[in-house]
Amino acid sequence: MRTEDLEKRALGLPGAVESAHFGKRDFRVGNRIFMSLPEAGRAVVKFTPGQQKLFLETEPGVCAAVPGGWGLKGWTSVYFTDAEDDIIAHVMDTAWRNVAPKGLLNGHKTSAA
């Protein structure tokens, strides 16, 4: 997957907008970050610690915990360049749902549906 494809997918989620913090691009919904792009080929997404554990077990070549305290809070690196589209869709949808306002959640079907 190319960065442009990832961006398009992120901005296709309800209420998603592009912004930036610490000089890095990010994607938000309801002013809360669900994904950032800190470097080429890697995104960082907002998971709960439980979700992170599951993704690390099921997608070890795609997902890795961010080092330090951020990783302990669930922030997870996603190496998307060689990842399958359905995995990225699931990862992004999960991260988006973790921060989206309830009003948007009610009308959004999951990528797996």
PDB file of N, CA and C in Angstrom:
ATOM      1  N   MET A   1       0.845  -1.176   0.000  1.00  0.00           N
ATOM      2  CA  MET A   1       0.000   0.000   0.000  1.00  0.00           C
ATOM      3  C   MET A   1       0.890   1.239   0.000  1.00  0.00           C
ATOM      4  N   ARG A   2       0.504   2.209  -0.786  1.00  0.00           N
ATOM      5  CA  ARG A   2       1.240   3.466  -0.849  1.00  0.00           C
ATOM      6  C   ARG A   2       0.706   4.446   0.190  1.00  0.00           C
ATOM      7  N   THR A   3       1.509   5.425   0.530  1.00  0.00           N
ATOM      8  CA  THR A   3       1.087   6.448   1.488  1.00  0.00           C
ATOM      9  C   THR A   3      -0.184   7.145   1.006  1.00  0.00           C
ATOM     10  N   GLU A   4      -0.262   7.425  -0.280  1.00  0.00           N
ATOM     11  CA  GLU A   4      -1.431   8.103  -0.838  1.00  0.00           C
ATOM     12  C   GLU A   4      -2.700   7.284  -0.632  1.00  0.00           C
ATOM     13  N   ASP A   5      -2.586   5.962  -0.756  1.00  0.00           N
ATOM     14  CA  ASP A   5      -3.736   5.083  -0.550  1.00  0.00           C
ATOM     15  C   ASP A   5      -4.173   5.104   0.916  1.00  0.00           C
ATOM     16  N   LEU A   6      -3.204   5.106   1.804  1.00  0.00           N
ATOM     17  CA  LEU A   6      -3.494   5.156   3.236  1.00  0.00           C
ATOM     18  C   LEU A   6      -4.181   6.473   3.595  1.00  0.00           C
ATOM     19  N   GLU A   7      -3.673   7.563   3.073  1.00  0.00           N
ATOM     20  CA  GLU A   7      -4.274   8.881   3.312  1.00  0.00           C
ATOM     21  C   GLU A   7      -5.716   8.924   2.827  1.00  0.00           C
ATOM     22  N   LYS A   8      -5.940   8.420   1.623  1.00  0.00           N
ATOM     23  CA  LYS A   8      -7.286   8.417   1.044  1.00  0.00           C
ATOM     24  C   LYS A   8      -8.231   7.592   1.908  1.00  0.00           C
ATOM     25  N   ARG A   9      -7.773   6.447   2.370  1.00  0.00           N
ATOM     26  CA  ARG A   9      -8.596   5.591   3.226  1.00  0.00           C
ATOM     27  C   ARG A   9      -8.916   6.308   4.542  1.00  0.00           C
ATOM     28  N   ALA A  10      -7.916   6.954   5.135  1.00  0.00           N
ATOM     29  CA  ALA A  10      -8.131   7.665   6.403  1.00  0.00           C
ATOM     30  C   ALA A  10      -9.139   8.794   6.223  1.00  0.00           C
ATOM     31  N   LEU A  11      -8.986   9.573   5.170  1.00  0.00           N
ATOM     32  CA  LEU A  11      -9.882  10.704   4.947  1.00  0.00           C
ATOM     33  C   LEU A  11     -11.273  10.275   4.498  1.00  0.00           C
ATOM     34  N   GLY A  12     -11.421   9.025   4.113  1.00  0.00           N
ATOM     35  CA  GLY A  12     -12.724   8.487   3.745  1.00  0.00           C
ATOM     36  C   GLY A  12     -13.570   8.089   4.939  1.00  0.00           C
ATOM     37  N   LEU A  13     -12.967   8.055   6.123  1.00  0.00           N
ATOM     38  CA  LEU A  13     -13.720   7.720   7.328  1.00  0.00           C
ATOM     39  C   LEU A  13     -14.545   8.930   7.766  1.00  0.00           C
ATOM     40  N   PRO A  14     -15.742   8.720   8.266  1.00  0.00           N
ATOM     41  CA  PRO A  14     -16.623   9.843   8.637  1.00  0.00           C
ATOM     42  C   PRO A  14     -15.955  10.815   9.611  1.00  0.00           C
ATOM     43  N   GLY A  15     -16.004  12.087   9.269  1.00  0.00           N
ATOM     44  CA  GLY A  15     -15.489  13.136  10.137  1.00  0.00           C
ATOM     45  C   GLY A  15     -13.984  13.272  10.185  1.00  0.00           C
ATOM     46  N   ALA A  16     -13.243  12.468   9.429  1.00  0.00           N
ATOM     47  CA  ALA A  16     -11.780  12.487   9.480  1.00  0.00           C
ATOM     48  C   ALA A  16     -11.224  13.715   8.759  1.00  0.00           C
ATOM     49  N   VAL A  17     -10.217  14.315   9.376  1.00  0.00           N
ATOM     50  CA  VAL A  17      -9.518  15.448   8.790  1.00  0.00           C
ATOM     51  C   VAL A  17      -8.014  15.262   8.990  1.00  0.00           C
ATOM     52  N   GLU A  18      -7.243  15.879   8.112  1.00  0.00           N
ATOM     53  CA  GLU A  18      -5.789  15.842   8.247  1.00  0.00           C
ATOM     54  C   GLU A  18      -5.332  17.056   9.037  1.00  0.00           C
ATOM     55  N   SER A  19      -4.346  16.855   9.899  1.00  0.00           N
ATOM     56  CA  SER A  19      -3.767  17.923  10.700  1.00  0.00           C
ATOM     57  C   SER A  19      -2.296  17.576  10.917  1.00  0.00           C
ATOM     58  N   ALA A  20      -1.684  18.140  11.958  1.00  0.00           N
ATOM     59  CA  ALA A  20      -0.287  17.831  12.268  1.00  0.00           C
ATOM     60  C   ALA A  20      -0.004  18.126  13.733  1.00  0.00           C
ATOM     61  N   HIS A  21       0.971  17.412  14.273  1.00  0.00           N
ATOM     62  CA  HIS A  21       1.486  17.688  15.621  1.00  0.00           C
ATOM     63  C   HIS A  21       2.943  17.256  15.664  1.00  0.00           C
ATOM     64  N   PHE A  22       3.738  17.947  16.435  1.00  0.00           N
ATOM     65  CA  PHE A  22       5.179  17.679  16.536  1.00  0.00           C
ATOM     66  C   PHE A  22       5.825  17.595  15.155  1.00  0.00           C
ATOM     67  N   GLY A  23       5.310  18.367  14.201  1.00  0.00           N
ATOM     68  CA  GLY A  23       5.878  18.402  12.861  1.00  0.00           C
ATOM     69  C   GLY A  23       5.548  17.195  12.003  1.00  0.00           C
ATOM     70  N   LYS A  24       4.637  16.332  12.454  1.00  0.00           N
ATOM     71  CA  LYS A  24       4.254  15.120  11.703  1.00  0.00           C
ATOM     72  C   LYS A  24       2.775  15.184  11.351  1.00  0.00           C
ATOM     73  N   ARG A  25       2.453  14.658  10.190  1.00  0.00           N
ATOM     74  CA  ARG A  25       1.058  14.626   9.746  1.00  0.00           C
ATOM     75  C   ARG A  25       0.252  13.665  10.605  1.00  0.00           C
ATOM     76  N   ASP A  26      -1.002  14.035  10.862  1.00  0.00           N
ATOM     77  CA  ASP A  26      -1.887  13.120  11.571  1.00  0.00           C
ATOM     78  C   ASP A  26      -3.295  13.210  11.005  1.00  0.00           C
ATOM     79  N   PHE A  27      -4.123  12.266  11.416  1.00  0.00           N
ATOM     80  CA  PHE A  27      -5.515  12.200  10.999  1.00  0.00           C
ATOM     81  C   PHE A  27      -6.358  12.112  12.252  1.00  0.00           C
ATOM     82  N   ARG A  28      -7.409  12.940  12.277  1.00  0.00           N
ATOM     83  CA  ARG A  28      -8.215  13.095  13.481  1.00  0.00           C
ATOM     84  C   ARG A  28      -9.693  12.953  13.154  1.00  0.00           C
ATOM     85  N   VAL A  29     -10.428  12.660  14.210  1.00  0.00           N
ATOM     86  CA  VAL A  29     -11.880  12.719  14.156  1.00  0.00           C
ATOM     87  C   VAL A  29     -12.320  13.301  15.493  1.00  0.00           C
ATOM     88  N   GLY A  30     -13.192  14.301  15.451  1.00  0.00           N
ATOM     89  CA  GLY A  30     -13.591  14.950  16.692  1.00  0.00           C
ATOM     90  C   GLY A  30     -12.412  15.553  17.434  1.00  0.00           C
ATOM     91  N   ASN A  31     -11.421  16.043  16.694  1.00  0.00           N
ATOM     92  CA  ASN A  31     -10.194  16.653  17.229  1.00  0.00           C
ATOM     93  C   ASN A  31      -9.320  15.684  18.018  1.00  0.00           C
ATOM     94  N   ARG A  32      -9.535  14.392  17.854  1.00  0.00           N
ATOM     95  CA  ARG A  32      -8.706  13.374  18.518  1.00  0.00           C
ATOM     96  C   ARG A  32      -7.960  12.571  17.455  1.00  0.00           C
ATOM     97  N   ILE A  33      -6.694  12.338  17.673  1.00  0.00           N
ATOM     98  CA  ILE A  33      -5.844  11.638  16.702  1.00  0.00           C
ATOM     99  C   ILE A  33      -6.127  10.133  16.721  1.00  0.00           C
ATOM    100  N   PHE A  34      -6.342   9.574  15.522  1.00  0.00           N
ATOM    101  CA  PHE A  34      -6.452   8.121  15.415  1.00  0.00           C
ATOM    102  C   PHE A  34      -5.283   7.527  14.628  1.00  0.00           C
ATOM    103  N   MET A  35      -4.555   8.365  13.870  1.00  0.00           N
ATOM    104  CA  MET A  35      -3.409   7.870  13.114  1.00  0.00           C
ATOM    105  C   MET A  35      -2.464   9.018  12.788  1.00  0.00           C
ATOM    106  N   SER A  36      -1.175   8.738  12.839  1.00  0.00           N
ATOM    107  CA  SER A  36      -0.181   9.707  12.388  1.00  0.00           C
ATOM    108  C   SER A  36       0.767   9.026  11.411  1.00  0.00           C
ATOM    109  N   LEU A  37       1.480   9.849  10.662  1.00  0.00           N
ATOM    110  CA  LEU A  37       2.456   9.354   9.684  1.00  0.00           C
ATOM    111  C   LEU A  37       3.829   9.934  10.034  1.00  0.00           C
ATOM    112  N   PRO A  38       4.549   9.289  10.946  1.00  0.00           N
ATOM    113  CA  PRO A  38       5.833   9.836  11.383  1.00  0.00           C
ATOM    114  C   PRO A  38       6.982   9.648  10.399  1.00  0.00           C
ATOM    115  N   GLU A  39       6.875   8.650   9.526  1.00  0.00           N
ATOM    116  CA  GLU A  39       7.957   8.398   8.561  1.00  0.00           C
ATOM    117  C   GLU A  39       7.413   7.548   7.419  1.00  0.00           C
ATOM    118  N   ALA A  40       8.156   7.485   6.329  1.00  0.00           N
ATOM    119  CA  ALA A  40       7.738   6.725   5.154  1.00  0.00           C
ATOM    120  C   ALA A  40       7.539   5.249   5.510  1.00  0.00           C
ATOM    121  N   GLY A  41       6.402   4.708   5.084  1.00  0.00           N
ATOM    122  CA  GLY A  41       6.121   3.291   5.271  1.00  0.00           C
ATOM    123  C   GLY A  41       5.597   2.904   6.641  1.00  0.00           C
ATOM    124  N   ARG A  42       5.479   3.878   7.551  1.00  0.00           N
ATOM    125  CA  ARG A  42       5.014   3.572   8.906  1.00  0.00           C
ATOM    126  C   ARG A  42       3.959   4.571   9.346  1.00  0.00           C
ATOM    127  N   ALA A  43       2.868   4.027   9.848  1.00  0.00           N
ATOM    128  CA  ALA A  43       1.837   4.835  10.487  1.00  0.00           C
ATOM    129  C   ALA A  43       1.826   4.451  11.960  1.00  0.00           C
ATOM    130  N   VAL A  44       1.285   5.323  12.795  1.00  0.00           N
ATOM    131  CA  VAL A  44       1.086   5.016  14.209  1.00  0.00           C
ATOM    132  C   VAL A  44      -0.397   5.204  14.477  1.00  0.00           C
ATOM    133  N   VAL A  45      -1.020   4.172  15.070  1.00  0.00           N
ATOM    134  CA  VAL A  45      -2.460   4.200  15.311  1.00  0.00           C
ATOM    135  C   VAL A  45      -2.777   4.071  16.792  1.00  0.00           C
ATOM    136  N   LYS A  46      -3.980   4.538  17.150  1.00  0.00           N
ATOM    137  CA  LYS A  46      -4.455   4.528  18.531  1.00  0.00           C
ATOM    138  C   LYS A  46      -5.272   3.270  18.793  1.00  0.00           C
ATOM    139  N   PHE A  47      -4.672   2.320  19.504  1.00  0.00           N
ATOM    140  CA  PHE A  47      -5.360   1.126  19.970  1.00  0.00           C
ATOM    141  C   PHE A  47      -5.480   1.189  21.485  1.00  0.00           C
ATOM    142  N   THR A  48      -6.361   0.386  22.031  1.00  0.00           N
ATOM    143  CA  THR A  48      -6.331   0.148  23.467  1.00  0.00           C
ATOM    144  C   THR A  48      -5.213  -0.864  23.703  1.00  0.00           C
ATOM    145  N   PRO A  49      -4.700  -0.985  24.922  1.00  0.00           N
ATOM    146  CA  PRO A  49      -3.680  -2.002  25.168  1.00  0.00           C
ATOM    147  C   PRO A  49      -4.138  -3.416  24.792  1.00  0.00           C
ATOM    148  N   GLY A  50      -5.405  -3.729  25.025  1.00  0.00           N
ATOM    149  CA  GLY A  50      -5.923  -5.053  24.664  1.00  0.00           C
ATOM    150  C   GLY A  50      -5.949  -5.271  23.158  1.00  0.00           C
ATOM    151  N   GLN A  51      -6.375  -4.259  22.427  1.00  0.00           N
ATOM    152  CA  GLN A  51      -6.373  -4.350  20.965  1.00  0.00           C
ATOM    153  C   GLN A  51      -4.950  -4.485  20.447  1.00  0.00           C
ATOM    154  N   GLN A  52      -4.040  -3.717  21.039  1.00  0.00           N
ATOM    155  CA  GLN A  52      -2.645  -3.790  20.627  1.00  0.00           C
ATOM    156  C   GLN A  52      -2.110  -5.205  20.801  1.00  0.00           C
ATOM    157  N   LYS A  53      -2.376  -5.808  21.935  1.00  0.00           N
ATOM    158  CA  LYS A  53      -1.910  -7.178  22.209  1.00  0.00           C
ATOM    159  C   LYS A  53      -2.419  -8.139  21.140  1.00  0.00           C
ATOM    160  N   LEU A  54      -3.692  -8.025  20.803  1.00  0.00           N
ATOM    161  CA  LEU A  54      -4.282  -8.892  19.783  1.00  0.00           C
ATOM    162  C   LEU A  54      -3.626  -8.674  18.420  1.00  0.00           C
ATOM    163  N   PHE A  55      -3.458  -7.416  18.008  1.00  0.00           N
ATOM    164  CA  PHE A  55      -2.838  -7.141  16.714  1.00  0.00           C
ATOM    165  C   PHE A  55      -1.370  -7.581  16.683  1.00  0.00           C
ATOM    166  N   LEU A  56      -0.660  -7.426  17.788  1.00  0.00           N
ATOM    167  CA  LEU A  56       0.737  -7.874  17.827  1.00  0.00           C
ATOM    168  C   LEU A  56       0.830  -9.386  17.666  1.00  0.00           C
ATOM    169  N   GLU A  57      -0.149 -10.097  18.211  1.00  0.00           N
ATOM    170  CA  GLU A  57      -0.162 -11.565  18.093  1.00  0.00           C
ATOM    171  C   GLU A  57      -0.583 -12.025  16.703  1.00  0.00           C
ATOM    172  N   THR A  58      -1.555 -11.335  16.110  1.00  0.00           N
ATOM    173  CA  THR A  58      -2.102 -11.793  14.829  1.00  0.00           C
ATOM    174  C   THR A  58      -1.414 -11.187  13.606  1.00  0.00           C
ATOM    175  N   GLU A  59      -0.776 -10.037  13.772  1.00  0.00           N
ATOM    176  CA  GLU A  59      -0.112  -9.360  12.646  1.00  0.00           C
ATOM    177  C   GLU A  59       1.301  -8.915  13.033  1.00  0.00           C
ATOM    178  N   PRO A  60       2.173  -9.852  13.444  1.00  0.00           N
ATOM    179  CA  PRO A  60       3.507  -9.465  13.929  1.00  0.00           C
ATOM    180  C   PRO A  60       4.395  -8.805  12.882  1.00  0.00           C
ATOM    181  N   GLY A  61       4.192  -9.054  11.621  1.00  0.00           N
ATOM    182  CA  GLY A  61       5.003  -8.423  10.591  1.00  0.00           C
ATOM    183  C   GLY A  61       4.502  -7.046  10.197  1.00  0.00           C
ATOM    184  N   VAL A  62       3.293  -6.728  10.634  1.00  0.00           N
ATOM    185  CA  VAL A  62       2.674  -5.454  10.282  1.00  0.00           C
ATOM    186  C   VAL A  62       2.656  -4.503  11.474  1.00  0.00           C
ATOM    187  N   CYS A  63       2.357  -5.015  12.657  1.00  0.00           N
ATOM    188  CA  CYS A  63       2.176  -4.187  13.849  1.00  0.00           C
ATOM    189  C   CYS A  63       3.284  -4.398  14.874  1.00  0.00           C
ATOM    190  N   ALA A  64       3.685  -3.301  15.519  1.00  0.00           N
ATOM    191  CA  ALA A  64       4.683  -3.343  16.592  1.00  0.00           C
ATOM    192  C   ALA A  64       4.354  -2.225  17.581  1.00  0.00           C
ATOM    193  N   ALA A  65       4.500  -2.505  18.852  1.00  0.00           N
ATOM    194  CA  ALA A  65       4.232  -1.486  19.869  1.00  0.00           C
ATOM    195  C   ALA A  65       5.228  -0.332  19.723  1.00  0.00           C
ATOM    196  N   VAL A  66       4.734   0.886  19.879  1.00  0.00           N
ATOM    197  CA  VAL A  66       5.616   2.051  19.909  1.00  0.00           C
ATOM    198  C   VAL A  66       6.441   1.937  21.193  1.00  0.00           C
ATOM    199  N   PRO A  67       7.744   2.200  21.154  1.00  0.00           N
ATOM    200  CA  PRO A  67       8.566   2.085  22.358  1.00  0.00           C
ATOM    201  C   PRO A  67       8.137   3.043  23.470  1.00  0.00           C
ATOM    202  N   GLY A  68       8.360   2.642  24.699  1.00  0.00           N
ATOM    203  CA  GLY A  68       8.134   3.512  25.852  1.00  0.00           C
ATOM    204  C   GLY A  68       6.685   3.613  26.276  1.00  0.00           C
ATOM    205  N   GLY A  69       6.392   4.703  26.962  1.00  0.00           N
ATOM    206  CA  GLY A  69       5.080   4.923  27.550  1.00  0.00           C
ATOM    207  C   GLY A  69       3.944   4.996  26.555  1.00  0.00           C
ATOM    208  N   TRP A  70       4.199   5.555  25.371  1.00  0.00           N
ATOM    209  CA  TRP A  70       3.141   5.628  24.364  1.00  0.00           C
ATOM    210  C   TRP A  70       2.687   4.237  23.967  1.00  0.00           C
ATOM    211  N   GLY A  71       3.628   3.329  23.795  1.00  0.00           N
ATOM    212  CA  GLY A  71       3.283   1.956  23.452  1.00  0.00           C
ATOM    213  C   GLY A  71       2.503   1.269  24.552  1.00  0.00           C
ATOM    214  N   LEU A  72       2.837   1.544  25.799  1.00  0.00           N
ATOM    215  CA  LEU A  72       2.104   0.960  26.922  1.00  0.00           C
ATOM    216  C   LEU A  72       0.651   1.429  26.948  1.00  0.00           C
ATOM    217  N   LYS A  73       0.392   2.598  26.370  1.00  0.00           N
ATOM    218  CA  LYS A  73      -0.974   3.134  26.304  1.00  0.00           C
ATOM    219  C   LYS A  73      -1.737   2.622  25.090  1.00  0.00           C
ATOM    220  N   GLY A  74      -1.079   1.820  24.250  1.00  0.00           N
ATOM    221  CA  GLY A  74      -1.742   1.228  23.092  1.00  0.00           C
ATOM    222  C   GLY A  74      -1.305   1.753  21.739  1.00  0.00           C
ATOM    223  N   TRP A  75      -0.512   2.817  21.705  1.00  0.00           N
ATOM    224  CA  TRP A  75      -0.076   3.354  20.415  1.00  0.00           C
ATOM    225  C   TRP A  75       0.799   2.320  19.718  1.00  0.00           C
ATOM    226  N   THR A  76       0.481   2.073  18.445  1.00  0.00           N
ATOM    227  CA  THR A  76       1.061   0.946  17.712  1.00  0.00           C
ATOM    228  C   THR A  76       1.550   1.378  16.335  1.00  0.00           C
ATOM    229  N   SER A  77       2.775   0.979  15.997  1.00  0.00           N
ATOM    230  CA  SER A  77       3.311   1.214  14.656  1.00  0.00           C
ATOM    231  C   SER A  77       2.705   0.201  13.695  1.00  0.00           C
ATOM    232  N   VAL A  78       2.365   0.686  12.507  1.00  0.00           N
ATOM    233  CA  VAL A  78       1.825  -0.170  11.460  1.00  0.00           C
ATOM    234  C   VAL A  78       2.686   0.034  10.219  1.00  0.00           C
ATOM    235  N   TYR A  79       3.334  -1.038   9.797  1.00  0.00           N
ATOM    236  CA  TYR A  79       4.186  -0.993   8.610  1.00  0.00           C
ATOM    237  C   TYR A  79       3.318  -1.410   7.423  1.00  0.00           C
ATOM    238  N   PHE A  80       2.807  -0.415   6.708  1.00  0.00           N
ATOM    239  CA  PHE A  80       1.724  -0.625   5.751  1.00  0.00           C
ATOM    240  C   PHE A  80       2.168  -0.928   4.328  1.00  0.00           C
ATOM    241  N   THR A  81       3.406  -0.707   3.979  1.00  0.00           N
ATOM    242  CA  THR A  81       3.840  -0.829   2.584  1.00  0.00           C
ATOM    243  C   THR A  81       3.531  -2.190   1.980  1.00  0.00           C
ATOM    244  N   ASP A  82       3.810  -3.259   2.698  1.00  0.00           N
ATOM    245  CA  ASP A  82       3.580  -4.609   2.176  1.00  0.00           C
ATOM    246  C   ASP A  82       2.378  -5.296   2.819  1.00  0.00           C
ATOM    247  N   ALA A  83       1.600  -4.559   3.584  1.00  0.00           N
ATOM    248  CA  ALA A  83       0.447  -5.144   4.273  1.00  0.00           C
ATOM    249  C   ALA A  83      -0.735  -5.307   3.320  1.00  0.00           C
ATOM    250  N   GLU A  84      -1.562  -6.290   3.609  1.00  0.00           N
ATOM    251  CA  GLU A  84      -2.761  -6.522   2.815  1.00  0.00           C
ATOM    252  C   GLU A  84      -3.794  -5.435   3.113  1.00  0.00           C
ATOM    253  N   ASP A  85      -4.546  -5.063   2.088  1.00  0.00           N
ATOM    254  CA  ASP A  85      -5.539  -3.997   2.220  1.00  0.00           C
ATOM    255  C   ASP A  85      -6.553  -4.261   3.324  1.00  0.00           C
ATOM    256  N   ASP A  86      -7.023  -5.506   3.448  1.00  0.00           N
ATOM    257  CA  ASP A  86      -8.042  -5.787   4.457  1.00  0.00           C
ATOM    258  C   ASP A  86      -7.500  -5.630   5.877  1.00  0.00           C
ATOM    259  N   ILE A  87      -6.232  -5.923   6.083  1.00  0.00           N
ATOM    260  CA  ILE A  87      -5.614  -5.731   7.402  1.00  0.00           C
ATOM    261  C   ILE A  87      -5.539  -4.243   7.716  1.00  0.00           C
ATOM    262  N   ILE A  88      -5.086  -3.454   6.754  1.00  0.00           N
ATOM    263  CA  ILE A  88      -4.992  -2.009   6.969  1.00  0.00           C
ATOM    264  C   ILE A  88      -6.370  -1.414   7.208  1.00  0.00           C
ATOM    265  N   ALA A  89      -7.362  -1.866   6.465  1.00  0.00           N
ATOM    266  CA  ALA A  89      -8.724  -1.369   6.673  1.00  0.00           C
ATOM    267  C   ALA A  89      -9.197  -1.672   8.094  1.00  0.00           C
ATOM    268  N   HIS A  90      -8.922  -2.867   8.577  1.00  0.00           N
ATOM    269  CA  HIS A  90      -9.328  -3.257   9.933  1.00  0.00           C
ATOM    270  C   HIS A  90      -8.574  -2.442  10.985  1.00  0.00           C
ATOM    271  N   VAL A  91      -7.280  -2.280  10.804  1.00  0.00           N
ATOM    272  CA  VAL A  91      -6.450  -1.490  11.725  1.00  0.00           C
ATOM    273  C   VAL A  91      -6.966  -0.056  11.792  1.00  0.00           C
ATOM    274  N   MET A  92      -7.178   0.549  10.646  1.00  0.00           N
ATOM    275  CA  MET A  92      -7.595   1.942  10.612  1.00  0.00           C
ATOM    276  C   MET A  92      -8.996   2.124  11.175  1.00  0.00           C
ATOM    277  N   ASP A  93      -9.900   1.217  10.845  1.00  0.00           N
ATOM    278  CA  ASP A  93     -11.258   1.302  11.362  1.00  0.00           C
ATOM    279  C   ASP A  93     -11.259   1.173  12.891  1.00  0.00           C
ATOM    280  N   THR A  94     -10.457   0.269  13.417  1.00  0.00           N
ATOM    281  CA  THR A  94     -10.362   0.088  14.863  1.00  0.00           C
ATOM    282  C   THR A  94      -9.854   1.358  15.535  1.00  0.00           C
ATOM    283  N   ALA A  95      -8.784   1.929  15.000  1.00  0.00           N
ATOM    284  CA  ALA A  95      -8.211   3.150  15.576  1.00  0.00           C
ATOM    285  C   ALA A  95      -9.212   4.302  15.498  1.00  0.00           C
ATOM    286  N   TRP A  96      -9.883   4.441  14.363  1.00  0.00           N
ATOM    287  CA  TRP A  96     -10.884   5.495  14.192  1.00  0.00           C
ATOM    288  C   TRP A  96     -12.000   5.341  15.225  1.00  0.00           C
ATOM    289  N   ARG A  97     -12.511   4.125  15.391  1.00  0.00           N
ATOM    290  CA  ARG A  97     -13.587   3.859  16.354  1.00  0.00           C
ATOM    291  C   ARG A  97     -13.167   4.182  17.786  1.00  0.00           C
ATOM    292  N   ASN A  98     -11.902   4.033  18.083  1.00  0.00           N
ATOM    293  CA  ASN A  98     -11.425   4.294  19.441  1.00  0.00           C
ATOM    294  C   ASN A  98     -11.532   5.766  19.836  1.00  0.00           C
ATOM    295  N   VAL A  99     -11.585   6.651  18.873  1.00  0.00           N
ATOM    296  CA  VAL A  99     -11.627   8.088  19.198  1.00  0.00           C
ATOM    297  C   VAL A  99     -12.847   8.813  18.648  1.00  0.00           C
ATOM    298  N   ALA A 100     -13.609   8.184  17.762  1.00  0.00           N
ATOM    299  CA  ALA A 100     -14.735   8.854  17.106  1.00  0.00           C
ATOM    300  C   ALA A 100     -15.862   9.160  18.091  1.00  0.00           C
ATOM    301  N   PRO A 101     -16.504  10.314  17.918  1.00  0.00           N
ATOM    302  CA  PRO A 101     -17.680  10.638  18.735  1.00  0.00           C
ATOM    303  C   PRO A 101     -18.803   9.619  18.491  1.00  0.00           C
ATOM    304  N   LYS A 102     -19.600   9.367  19.506  1.00  0.00           N
ATOM    305  CA  LYS A 102     -20.672   8.371  19.410  1.00  0.00           C
ATOM    306  C   LYS A 102     -21.611   8.619  18.238  1.00  0.00           C
ATOM    307  N   GLY A 103     -21.890   9.879  17.946  1.00  0.00           N
ATOM    308  CA  GLY A 103     -22.782  10.194  16.838  1.00  0.00           C
ATOM    309  C   GLY A 103     -22.284   9.667  15.508  1.00  0.00           C
ATOM    310  N   LEU A 104     -20.984   9.644  15.310  1.00  0.00           N
ATOM    311  CA  LEU A 104     -20.418   9.101  14.074  1.00  0.00           C
ATOM    312  C   LEU A 104     -20.373   7.578  14.112  1.00  0.00           C
ATOM    313  N   LEU A 105     -20.135   7.021  15.274  1.00  0.00           N
ATOM    314  CA  LEU A 105     -20.044   5.559  15.410  1.00  0.00           C
ATOM    315  C   LEU A 105     -21.345   4.876  15.040  1.00  0.00           C
ATOM    316  N   ASN A 106     -22.459   5.472  15.442  1.00  0.00           N
ATOM    317  CA  ASN A 106     -23.758   4.846  15.226  1.00  0.00           C
ATOM    318  C   ASN A 106     -24.073   4.613  13.756  1.00  0.00           C
ATOM    319  N   GLY A 107     -23.591   5.474  12.874  1.00  0.00           N
ATOM    320  CA  GLY A 107     -23.913   5.339  11.457  1.00  0.00           C
ATOM    321  C   GLY A 107     -22.833   4.697  10.614  1.00  0.00           C
ATOM    322  N   HIS A 108     -21.743   4.242  11.235  1.00  0.00           N
ATOM    323  CA  HIS A 108     -20.609   3.715  10.465  1.00  0.00           C
ATOM    324  C   HIS A 108     -20.509   2.202  10.603  1.00  0.00           C
ATOM    325  N   LYS A 109     -20.509   1.519   9.466  1.00  0.00           N
ATOM    326  CA  LYS A 109     -20.322   0.065   9.471  1.00  0.00           C
ATOM    327  C   LYS A 109     -18.841  -0.238   9.448  1.00  0.00           C
ATOM    328  N   THR A 110     -18.446  -1.320  10.077  1.00  0.00           N
ATOM    329  CA  THR A 110     -17.032  -1.683  10.113  1.00  0.00           C
ATOM    330  C   THR A 110     -16.578  -2.144   8.744  1.00  0.00           C
ATOM    331  N   SER A 111     -15.276  -2.077   8.517  1.00  0.00           N
ATOM    332  CA  SER A 111     -14.702  -2.509   7.246  1.00  0.00           C
ATOM    333  C   SER A 111     -14.858  -4.013   7.051  1.00  0.00           C
ATOM    334  N   ALA A 112     -15.013  -4.751   8.158  1.00  0.00           N
ATOM    335  CA  ALA A 112     -15.155  -6.205   8.081  1.00  0.00           C
ATOM    336  C   ALA A 112     -16.598  -6.603   7.779  1.00  0.00           C
ATOM    337  N   ALA A 113     -17.525  -5.638   7.855  1.00  0.00           N
ATOM    338  CA  ALA A 113     -18.943  -5.968   7.659  1.00  0.00           C
ATOM    339  C   ALA A 113     -19.286  -6.129   6.190  1.00  0.00           C
TER     340      ALA A 113
END
